[in-house]
Every structure is written in C-alpha cells, then in structure tokens.
Amino acid sequence: MKLYDLTVRNTKNEEVSLSSFQGKVLLIVNTATGCGFTPQYEGLEKLYQAFHDQGFEILDFPCNQFGNQAPGTNEEIGQFCTLRYHTTFPRFSKIDVNGKNEDPLYTYLKSEQKGTLGNNIKWNFTKFLVDREGNVVGRFAPTVKPEELVEKIEALLKA
C-alpha cells in the first residue's frame, strides 16, 4: 500500500483520495483547538503561505484523543481555526490517530516513520513530512515548531 492509495474524509464527511495531492510536498498534522500547542496553527499557516505556490500542502486532521482537546464538531473546529488563526490550508474530518478506531492514514504514517518511544502518536501536533513521491521522510514531535521545518520543506520542494 502507498500513501496515494488511501482516502480520507473532508469536513463534510466526503471521501477524498490522497492521490489528489500527488506530486506535492505534504505536512500531515494531528491538531487540537484547546491544546498548549494550538498556537502552532499560526506557524503552520505561515509555512502554508510561504510554500503553497511551490507545491506544498498542509493536511490538518483534528483529533480529540489527547485530553479531550478537540471537542467541537468539524464546523466548530473550522470556525475556530479560521477566525483565531486565519488558517487556509485543507482541514479534514476529526479522526483517531491511535487505537482500534485509528484512521488508516495514521496506521500507514506510523508504519513508515516510527516514534522515538514506540509507534503511537504521543500528543497533538505530531507532524509527518512527505516528499513529492509520497514517501514519508520525517516524523516530528509536537515540540518541534513549524518554523523549524523550513529547511527540510525547502529541500524537498527543490528536489
């Protein structure tokens, strides 16, 4: 199985094939609106604005598995992110990233890039970097700020 074989659900619960992002550099992030890392939305949007025209996409997957920090509906989460952080990158339907109901996308991502303390996602704002061919080339802890990924993103965009 490859990344582009998977489908996810958008905020209207419609299926979206990840093949629609083929040829792009992707940053896939599990997010939450009530987390200490939530201000990273600002940094994510700055990355998106800086690199979107060069073939970069951020795929935002809200997740409520960590401390009930994304309790709203898809619409409420979208309104929060748009009003508070002015995000414009694609947001998808809320998912689980661990456990029996984990989304197949996260099963795949975790199989491609293991975590430092095991394979589960430890918290909100874990980031996966994907090259233009769909290879998962990096996994970054929530403590890694979006701006710390600039050089890695630039290198993938130039490759």
N, C-alpha and C. Protein backbone atom coordinates (compact mmCIF):
# COMPACT_ATOMS: atom_id res chain seq x y z
N MET A 1 0.84 -1.19 0.00
CA MET A 1 0.00 0.00 0.00
C MET A 1 0.88 1.25 0.00
N LYS A 2 0.43 2.24 -0.72
CA LYS A 2 1.12 3.53 -0.80
C LYS A 2 0.20 4.62 -0.25
N LEU A 3 0.79 5.75 0.10
CA LEU A 3 0.03 6.88 0.63
C LEU A 3 -1.11 7.27 -0.31
N TYR A 4 -0.80 7.31 -1.60
CA TYR A 4 -1.80 7.78 -2.57
C TYR A 4 -2.94 6.79 -2.80
N ASP A 5 -2.84 5.59 -2.24
CA ASP A 5 -3.94 4.61 -2.32
C ASP A 5 -5.02 4.88 -1.27
N LEU A 6 -4.70 5.70 -0.29
CA LEU A 6 -5.62 5.94 0.83
C LEU A 6 -6.63 7.04 0.54
N THR A 7 -7.75 6.96 1.22
CA THR A 7 -8.74 8.04 1.18
C THR A 7 -8.97 8.53 2.60
N VAL A 8 -9.33 9.79 2.71
CA VAL A 8 -9.68 10.42 3.99
C VAL A 8 -11.02 11.10 3.80
N ARG A 9 -11.56 11.63 4.87
CA ARG A 9 -12.85 12.33 4.78
C ARG A 9 -12.64 13.82 5.04
N ASN A 10 -13.25 14.63 4.18
CA ASN A 10 -13.16 16.07 4.40
C ASN A 10 -14.15 16.47 5.50
N THR A 11 -14.23 17.76 5.78
CA THR A 11 -15.08 18.22 6.88
C THR A 11 -16.57 18.04 6.60
N LYS A 12 -16.92 17.74 5.35
CA LYS A 12 -18.32 17.45 5.01
C LYS A 12 -18.57 15.95 4.96
N ASN A 13 -17.56 15.18 5.44
CA ASN A 13 -17.62 13.72 5.50
C ASN A 13 -17.62 13.06 4.12
N GLU A 14 -17.09 13.76 3.13
CA GLU A 14 -16.96 13.21 1.78
C GLU A 14 -15.57 12.60 1.63
N GLU A 15 -15.48 11.50 0.90
CA GLU A 15 -14.19 10.86 0.68
C GLU A 15 -13.32 11.70 -0.24
N VAL A 16 -12.04 11.79 0.13
CA VAL A 16 -11.04 12.49 -0.67
C VAL A 16 -9.87 11.53 -0.85
N SER A 17 -9.50 11.28 -2.08
CA SER A 17 -8.34 10.43 -2.34
C SER A 17 -7.06 11.23 -2.13
N LEU A 18 -6.13 10.64 -1.41
CA LEU A 18 -4.86 11.32 -1.23
C LEU A 18 -4.07 11.41 -2.53
N SER A 19 -4.50 10.67 -3.55
CA SER A 19 -3.86 10.80 -4.86
C SER A 19 -4.04 12.20 -5.43
N SER A 20 -5.03 12.93 -4.93
CA SER A 20 -5.23 14.31 -5.40
C SER A 20 -4.09 15.22 -4.94
N PHE A 21 -3.24 14.74 -4.04
CA PHE A 21 -2.09 15.51 -3.56
C PHE A 21 -0.77 15.00 -4.15
N GLN A 22 -0.86 14.08 -5.10
CA GLN A 22 0.33 13.51 -5.71
C GLN A 22 1.17 14.62 -6.34
N GLY A 23 2.48 14.51 -6.15
CA GLY A 23 3.40 15.49 -6.70
C GLY A 23 3.63 16.69 -5.80
N LYS A 24 2.99 16.71 -4.64
CA LYS A 24 3.14 17.82 -3.69
C LYS A 24 3.97 17.35 -2.49
N VAL A 25 4.61 18.30 -1.84
CA VAL A 25 5.25 18.05 -0.54
C VAL A 25 4.16 18.26 0.50
N LEU A 26 3.99 17.30 1.40
CA LEU A 26 2.91 17.35 2.38
C LEU A 26 3.45 17.41 3.81
N LEU A 27 2.75 18.17 4.64
CA LEU A 27 2.95 18.12 6.07
C LEU A 27 1.61 17.71 6.66
N ILE A 28 1.57 16.52 7.25
CA ILE A 28 0.33 15.97 7.80
C ILE A 28 0.40 16.10 9.32
N VAL A 29 -0.62 16.73 9.90
CA VAL A 29 -0.58 17.08 11.32
C VAL A 29 -1.90 16.70 12.00
N ASN A 30 -1.80 16.05 13.16
CA ASN A 30 -2.99 15.86 14.00
C ASN A 30 -3.07 17.05 14.95
N THR A 31 -4.21 17.72 14.97
CA THR A 31 -4.32 19.00 15.67
C THR A 31 -5.42 18.98 16.73
N ALA A 32 -5.44 20.03 17.52
CA ALA A 32 -6.48 20.23 18.53
C ALA A 32 -6.62 21.72 18.80
N THR A 33 -7.82 22.13 19.13
CA THR A 33 -8.11 23.55 19.32
C THR A 33 -7.91 24.02 20.75
N GLY A 34 -7.77 23.11 21.71
CA GLY A 34 -7.64 23.51 23.10
C GLY A 34 -6.39 22.98 23.75
N CYS A 35 -5.31 22.99 23.03
CA CYS A 35 -4.05 22.38 23.46
C CYS A 35 -3.00 23.46 23.66
N GLY A 36 -2.01 23.18 24.48
CA GLY A 36 -0.91 24.10 24.65
C GLY A 36 -0.14 24.35 23.35
N PHE A 37 -0.24 23.42 22.40
CA PHE A 37 0.43 23.56 21.12
C PHE A 37 -0.45 24.22 20.06
N THR A 38 -1.70 24.53 20.40
CA THR A 38 -2.64 25.12 19.43
C THR A 38 -2.07 26.37 18.75
N PRO A 39 -1.30 27.22 19.43
CA PRO A 39 -0.73 28.37 18.72
C PRO A 39 0.15 28.00 17.53
N GLN A 40 0.52 26.72 17.40
CA GLN A 40 1.28 26.29 16.22
C GLN A 40 0.47 26.47 14.94
N TYR A 41 -0.84 26.61 15.04
CA TYR A 41 -1.63 26.91 13.84
C TYR A 41 -1.08 28.14 13.13
N GLU A 42 -0.62 29.13 13.90
CA GLU A 42 -0.07 30.34 13.30
C GLU A 42 1.17 30.02 12.48
N GLY A 43 2.07 29.22 13.03
CA GLY A 43 3.27 28.82 12.30
C GLY A 43 2.96 27.95 11.11
N LEU A 44 1.97 27.08 11.25
CA LEU A 44 1.57 26.25 10.12
C LEU A 44 1.05 27.11 8.97
N GLU A 45 0.24 28.10 9.30
CA GLU A 45 -0.29 28.98 8.26
C GLU A 45 0.83 29.77 7.58
N LYS A 46 1.82 30.18 8.34
CA LYS A 46 2.97 30.90 7.74
C LYS A 46 3.71 29.99 6.76
N LEU A 47 3.91 28.72 7.13
CA LEU A 47 4.53 27.77 6.20
C LEU A 47 3.69 27.63 4.94
N TYR A 48 2.39 27.49 5.13
CA TYR A 48 1.49 27.31 4.01
C TYR A 48 1.54 28.51 3.06
N GLN A 49 1.51 29.69 3.61
CA GLN A 49 1.57 30.90 2.78
C GLN A 49 2.92 31.02 2.06
N ALA A 50 3.99 30.63 2.73
CA ALA A 50 5.32 30.74 2.15
C ALA A 50 5.56 29.75 1.01
N PHE A 51 5.00 28.55 1.13
CA PHE A 51 5.39 27.48 0.20
C PHE A 51 4.26 26.88 -0.63
N HIS A 52 3.03 27.27 -0.39
CA HIS A 52 1.91 26.66 -1.12
C HIS A 52 2.07 26.79 -2.63
N ASP A 53 2.49 27.95 -3.10
CA ASP A 53 2.63 28.19 -4.54
C ASP A 53 3.74 27.35 -5.17
N GLN A 54 4.59 26.75 -4.32
CA GLN A 54 5.68 25.90 -4.83
C GLN A 54 5.32 24.41 -4.79
N GLY A 55 4.08 24.11 -4.40
CA GLY A 55 3.66 22.71 -4.37
C GLY A 55 3.66 22.10 -2.98
N PHE A 56 3.39 22.90 -1.98
CA PHE A 56 3.36 22.43 -0.58
C PHE A 56 1.92 22.48 -0.06
N GLU A 57 1.54 21.42 0.65
CA GLU A 57 0.22 21.36 1.27
C GLU A 57 0.35 20.92 2.73
N ILE A 58 -0.48 21.47 3.56
CA ILE A 58 -0.62 21.01 4.94
C ILE A 58 -1.98 20.33 5.04
N LEU A 59 -1.99 19.12 5.57
CA LEU A 59 -3.23 18.38 5.76
C LEU A 59 -3.48 18.30 7.26
N ASP A 60 -4.56 18.94 7.69
CA ASP A 60 -4.90 19.11 9.11
C ASP A 60 -5.96 18.09 9.50
N PHE A 61 -5.63 17.24 10.46
CA PHE A 61 -6.55 16.22 10.96
C PHE A 61 -6.81 16.44 12.45
N PRO A 62 -7.90 17.14 12.79
CA PRO A 62 -8.23 17.30 14.21
C PRO A 62 -8.41 15.95 14.89
N CYS A 63 -7.97 15.88 16.14
CA CYS A 63 -8.04 14.64 16.90
C CYS A 63 -8.38 14.97 18.35
N ASN A 64 -9.34 14.27 18.90
CA ASN A 64 -9.79 14.52 20.27
C ASN A 64 -9.30 13.46 21.25
N GLN A 65 -8.31 12.68 20.86
CA GLN A 65 -7.84 11.57 21.70
C GLN A 65 -6.94 11.99 22.87
N PHE A 66 -6.45 13.20 22.85
CA PHE A 66 -5.48 13.61 23.85
C PHE A 66 -6.09 14.68 24.74
N GLY A 67 -6.54 14.29 25.91
CA GLY A 67 -7.07 15.24 26.87
C GLY A 67 -8.35 15.94 26.44
N ASN A 68 -9.09 15.33 25.51
CA ASN A 68 -10.36 15.92 25.04
C ASN A 68 -10.15 17.37 24.60
N GLN A 69 -9.06 17.61 23.84
CA GLN A 69 -8.68 18.98 23.48
C GLN A 69 -9.18 19.42 22.11
N ALA A 70 -9.98 18.59 21.45
CA ALA A 70 -10.62 18.98 20.19
C ALA A 70 -12.07 18.51 20.24
N PRO A 71 -12.85 19.05 21.19
CA PRO A 71 -14.19 18.51 21.44
C PRO A 71 -15.26 18.96 20.45
N GLY A 72 -15.03 19.96 19.66
CA GLY A 72 -16.07 20.52 18.79
C GLY A 72 -16.37 19.67 17.58
N THR A 73 -17.39 20.10 16.85
CA THR A 73 -17.73 19.49 15.57
C THR A 73 -16.71 19.96 14.53
N ASN A 74 -16.72 19.32 13.36
CA ASN A 74 -15.84 19.76 12.28
C ASN A 74 -16.07 21.23 11.97
N GLU A 75 -17.33 21.65 11.95
CA GLU A 75 -17.66 23.04 11.66
C GLU A 75 -17.13 23.98 12.74
N GLU A 76 -17.31 23.62 14.01
CA GLU A 76 -16.82 24.46 15.11
C GLU A 76 -15.30 24.57 15.09
N ILE A 77 -14.63 23.48 14.82
CA ILE A 77 -13.16 23.49 14.73
C ILE A 77 -12.72 24.39 13.58
N GLY A 78 -13.39 24.26 12.44
CA GLY A 78 -13.06 25.09 11.29
C GLY A 78 -13.25 26.57 11.58
N GLN A 79 -14.34 26.91 12.24
CA GLN A 79 -14.59 28.31 12.57
C GLN A 79 -13.52 28.84 13.52
N PHE A 80 -13.17 28.06 14.51
CA PHE A 80 -12.13 28.47 15.47
C PHE A 80 -10.82 28.75 14.74
N CYS A 81 -10.40 27.81 13.89
CA CYS A 81 -9.12 27.94 13.21
C CYS A 81 -9.11 29.12 12.23
N THR A 82 -10.22 29.31 11.55
CA THR A 82 -10.30 30.40 10.58
C THR A 82 -10.34 31.76 11.27
N LEU A 83 -11.15 31.86 12.31
CA LEU A 83 -11.29 33.14 13.00
C LEU A 83 -10.09 33.49 13.86
N ARG A 84 -9.57 32.52 14.56
CA ARG A 84 -8.49 32.79 15.52
C ARG A 84 -7.11 32.81 14.87
N TYR A 85 -6.89 31.87 13.92
CA TYR A 85 -5.55 31.74 13.33
C TYR A 85 -5.53 32.00 11.83
N HIS A 86 -6.67 32.28 11.24
CA HIS A 86 -6.78 32.62 9.81
C HIS A 86 -6.20 31.52 8.91
N THR A 87 -6.42 30.27 9.30
CA THR A 87 -5.87 29.16 8.52
C THR A 87 -6.61 29.03 7.19
N THR A 88 -5.85 28.66 6.17
CA THR A 88 -6.42 28.46 4.83
C THR A 88 -6.06 27.10 4.26
N PHE A 89 -5.24 26.33 4.95
CA PHE A 89 -4.85 25.01 4.45
C PHE A 89 -5.98 24.00 4.66
N PRO A 90 -5.95 22.89 3.92
CA PRO A 90 -7.04 21.91 3.99
C PRO A 90 -7.17 21.26 5.38
N ARG A 91 -8.39 21.25 5.87
CA ARG A 91 -8.72 20.59 7.14
C ARG A 91 -9.65 19.43 6.80
N PHE A 92 -9.47 18.35 7.52
CA PHE A 92 -10.27 17.16 7.27
C PHE A 92 -11.12 16.82 8.49
N SER A 93 -11.92 15.81 8.35
CA SER A 93 -12.80 15.38 9.43
C SER A 93 -11.98 14.88 10.62
N LYS A 94 -12.52 15.08 11.79
CA LYS A 94 -11.87 14.65 13.02
C LYS A 94 -11.65 13.13 12.98
N ILE A 95 -10.48 12.70 13.44
CA ILE A 95 -10.12 11.28 13.39
C ILE A 95 -9.47 10.83 14.69
N ASP A 96 -9.31 9.52 14.82
CA ASP A 96 -8.46 8.93 15.85
C ASP A 96 -7.12 8.58 15.19
N VAL A 97 -6.04 8.81 15.91
CA VAL A 97 -4.71 8.51 15.37
C VAL A 97 -4.06 7.31 16.05
N ASN A 98 -4.69 6.79 17.09
CA ASN A 98 -4.23 5.61 17.82
C ASN A 98 -5.44 4.71 18.11
N GLY A 99 -5.15 3.44 18.38
CA GLY A 99 -6.18 2.55 18.90
C GLY A 99 -7.03 1.86 17.84
N LYS A 100 -8.06 1.19 18.31
CA LYS A 100 -8.87 0.33 17.44
C LYS A 100 -9.61 1.11 16.36
N ASN A 101 -9.87 2.39 16.57
CA ASN A 101 -10.57 3.20 15.57
C ASN A 101 -9.64 4.16 14.83
N GLU A 102 -8.33 3.89 14.90
CA GLU A 102 -7.40 4.82 14.24
C GLU A 102 -7.63 4.81 12.74
N ASP A 103 -7.49 5.98 12.17
CA ASP A 103 -7.66 6.15 10.74
C ASP A 103 -6.55 5.40 10.00
N PRO A 104 -6.87 4.73 8.88
CA PRO A 104 -5.84 4.01 8.12
C PRO A 104 -4.67 4.90 7.69
N LEU A 105 -4.91 6.19 7.49
CA LEU A 105 -3.82 7.08 7.15
C LEU A 105 -2.76 7.06 8.25
N TYR A 106 -3.19 7.11 9.51
CA TYR A 106 -2.22 7.12 10.61
C TYR A 106 -1.60 5.75 10.84
N THR A 107 -2.30 4.69 10.53
CA THR A 107 -1.69 3.36 10.57
C THR A 107 -0.52 3.33 9.58
N TYR A 108 -0.76 3.88 8.40
CA TYR A 108 0.27 3.93 7.37
C TYR A 108 1.43 4.84 7.78
N LEU A 109 1.12 6.07 8.19
CA LEU A 109 2.18 7.01 8.56
C LEU A 109 3.08 6.43 9.65
N LYS A 110 2.47 5.84 10.66
CA LYS A 110 3.24 5.29 11.78
C LYS A 110 4.08 4.09 11.36
N SER A 111 3.61 3.33 10.36
CA SER A 111 4.39 2.19 9.87
C SER A 111 5.61 2.67 9.09
N GLU A 112 5.52 3.85 8.49
CA GLU A 112 6.61 4.40 7.69
C GLU A 112 7.64 5.15 8.52
N GLN A 113 7.21 5.77 9.61
CA GLN A 113 8.11 6.54 10.47
C GLN A 113 7.77 6.24 11.92
N LYS A 114 8.58 5.40 12.52
CA LYS A 114 8.35 5.02 13.93
C LYS A 114 8.66 6.19 14.85
N GLY A 115 7.99 6.22 15.99
CA GLY A 115 8.26 7.23 17.01
C GLY A 115 9.45 6.85 17.86
N THR A 116 9.94 7.77 18.63
CA THR A 116 11.12 7.52 19.46
C THR A 116 10.81 6.62 20.65
N LEU A 117 9.59 6.67 21.15
CA LEU A 117 9.23 5.86 22.33
C LEU A 117 8.14 4.86 21.99
N GLY A 118 8.21 4.26 20.82
CA GLY A 118 7.16 3.37 20.38
C GLY A 118 6.45 3.98 19.20
N ASN A 119 5.41 3.31 18.74
CA ASN A 119 4.82 3.74 17.48
C ASN A 119 3.61 4.64 17.62
N ASN A 120 2.98 4.68 18.78
CA ASN A 120 1.79 5.51 18.92
C ASN A 120 2.12 6.99 18.83
N ILE A 121 1.13 7.75 18.39
CA ILE A 121 1.23 9.20 18.42
C ILE A 121 1.11 9.58 19.90
N LYS A 122 2.02 10.42 20.36
CA LYS A 122 2.05 10.76 21.78
C LYS A 122 1.14 11.93 22.14
N TRP A 123 0.92 12.87 21.21
CA TRP A 123 0.12 14.05 21.54
C TRP A 123 -0.27 14.78 20.28
N ASN A 124 -1.07 15.83 20.46
CA ASN A 124 -1.48 16.69 19.36
C ASN A 124 -0.27 17.37 18.72
N PHE A 125 -0.40 17.69 17.45
CA PHE A 125 0.60 18.42 16.66
C PHE A 125 1.86 17.60 16.39
N THR A 126 1.71 16.27 16.31
CA THR A 126 2.76 15.44 15.74
C THR A 126 2.69 15.66 14.24
N LYS A 127 3.86 15.79 13.61
CA LYS A 127 3.91 16.17 12.20
C LYS A 127 4.64 15.11 11.38
N PHE A 128 4.09 14.81 10.21
CA PHE A 128 4.73 13.89 9.26
C PHE A 128 5.01 14.66 7.97
N LEU A 129 6.24 14.56 7.49
CA LEU A 129 6.64 15.23 6.26
C LEU A 129 6.74 14.19 5.14
N VAL A 130 6.13 14.52 4.01
CA VAL A 130 6.04 13.59 2.87
C VAL A 130 6.61 14.27 1.64
N ASP A 131 7.47 13.54 0.89
CA ASP A 131 8.06 14.13 -0.31
C ASP A 131 7.09 14.04 -1.49
N ARG A 132 7.51 14.57 -2.62
CA ARG A 132 6.64 14.65 -3.81
C ARG A 132 6.25 13.27 -4.36
N GLU A 133 7.02 12.24 -4.00
CA GLU A 133 6.71 10.88 -4.47
C GLU A 133 5.82 10.11 -3.49
N GLY A 134 5.46 10.74 -2.38
CA GLY A 134 4.60 10.08 -1.41
C GLY A 134 5.34 9.32 -0.33
N ASN A 135 6.65 9.51 -0.26
CA ASN A 135 7.44 8.85 0.78
C ASN A 135 7.39 9.67 2.07
N VAL A 136 7.14 8.99 3.19
CA VAL A 136 7.12 9.66 4.48
C VAL A 136 8.58 9.78 4.92
N VAL A 137 9.10 11.01 4.90
CA VAL A 137 10.53 11.23 5.11
C VAL A 137 10.87 11.80 6.49
N GLY A 138 9.86 12.13 7.29
CA GLY A 138 10.15 12.64 8.62
C GLY A 138 8.94 12.60 9.51
N ARG A 139 9.21 12.40 10.80
CA ARG A 139 8.19 12.45 11.85
C ARG A 139 8.73 13.37 12.93
N PHE A 140 7.90 14.34 13.34
CA PHE A 140 8.36 15.36 14.26
C PHE A 140 7.42 15.47 15.46
N ALA A 141 8.00 15.55 16.63
CA ALA A 141 7.24 15.64 17.88
C ALA A 141 6.48 16.97 17.94
N PRO A 142 5.46 17.02 18.78
CA PRO A 142 4.69 18.27 18.94
C PRO A 142 5.56 19.46 19.35
N THR A 143 6.66 19.20 20.04
CA THR A 143 7.53 20.29 20.49
C THR A 143 8.32 20.92 19.35
N VAL A 144 8.37 20.25 18.19
CA VAL A 144 9.04 20.82 17.02
C VAL A 144 8.08 21.83 16.40
N LYS A 145 8.50 23.09 16.40
CA LYS A 145 7.66 24.16 15.88
C LYS A 145 7.67 24.15 14.36
N PRO A 146 6.58 24.55 13.74
CA PRO A 146 6.52 24.56 12.27
C PRO A 146 7.70 25.28 11.62
N GLU A 147 8.13 26.40 12.18
CA GLU A 147 9.22 27.16 11.58
C GLU A 147 10.54 26.40 11.59
N GLU A 148 10.66 25.38 12.44
CA GLU A 148 11.87 24.57 12.47
C GLU A 148 11.96 23.62 11.27
N LEU A 149 10.89 23.53 10.50
CA LEU A 149 10.85 22.61 9.36
C LEU A 149 11.13 23.31 8.03
N VAL A 150 11.37 24.60 8.06
CA VAL A 150 11.53 25.38 6.83
C VAL A 150 12.61 24.78 5.91
N GLU A 151 13.80 24.50 6.44
CA GLU A 151 14.89 24.00 5.60
C GLU A 151 14.55 22.64 4.99
N LYS A 152 13.91 21.78 5.76
CA LYS A 152 13.54 20.47 5.26
C LYS A 152 12.50 20.60 4.14
N ILE A 153 11.53 21.47 4.33
CA ILE A 153 10.50 21.69 3.30
C ILE A 153 11.12 22.28 2.05
N GLU A 154 11.98 23.27 2.21
CA GLU A 154 12.65 23.88 1.05
C GLU A 154 13.44 22.84 0.26
N ALA A 155 14.17 21.97 0.96
CA ALA A 155 14.96 20.94 0.29
C ALA A 155 14.06 19.99 -0.51
N LEU A 156 12.93 19.60 0.07
CA LEU A 156 12.01 18.71 -0.64
C LEU A 156 11.37 19.40 -1.84
N LEU A 157 11.07 20.67 -1.72
CA LEU A 157 10.48 21.40 -2.83
C LEU A 157 11.46 21.55 -3.99
N LYS A 158 12.75 21.65 -3.68
CA LYS A 158 13.77 21.80 -4.72
C LYS A 158 14.17 20.48 -5.34
N ALA A 159 13.92 19.37 -4.65
CA ALA A 159 14.35 18.04 -5.13
C ALA A 159 13.60 17.64 -6.39
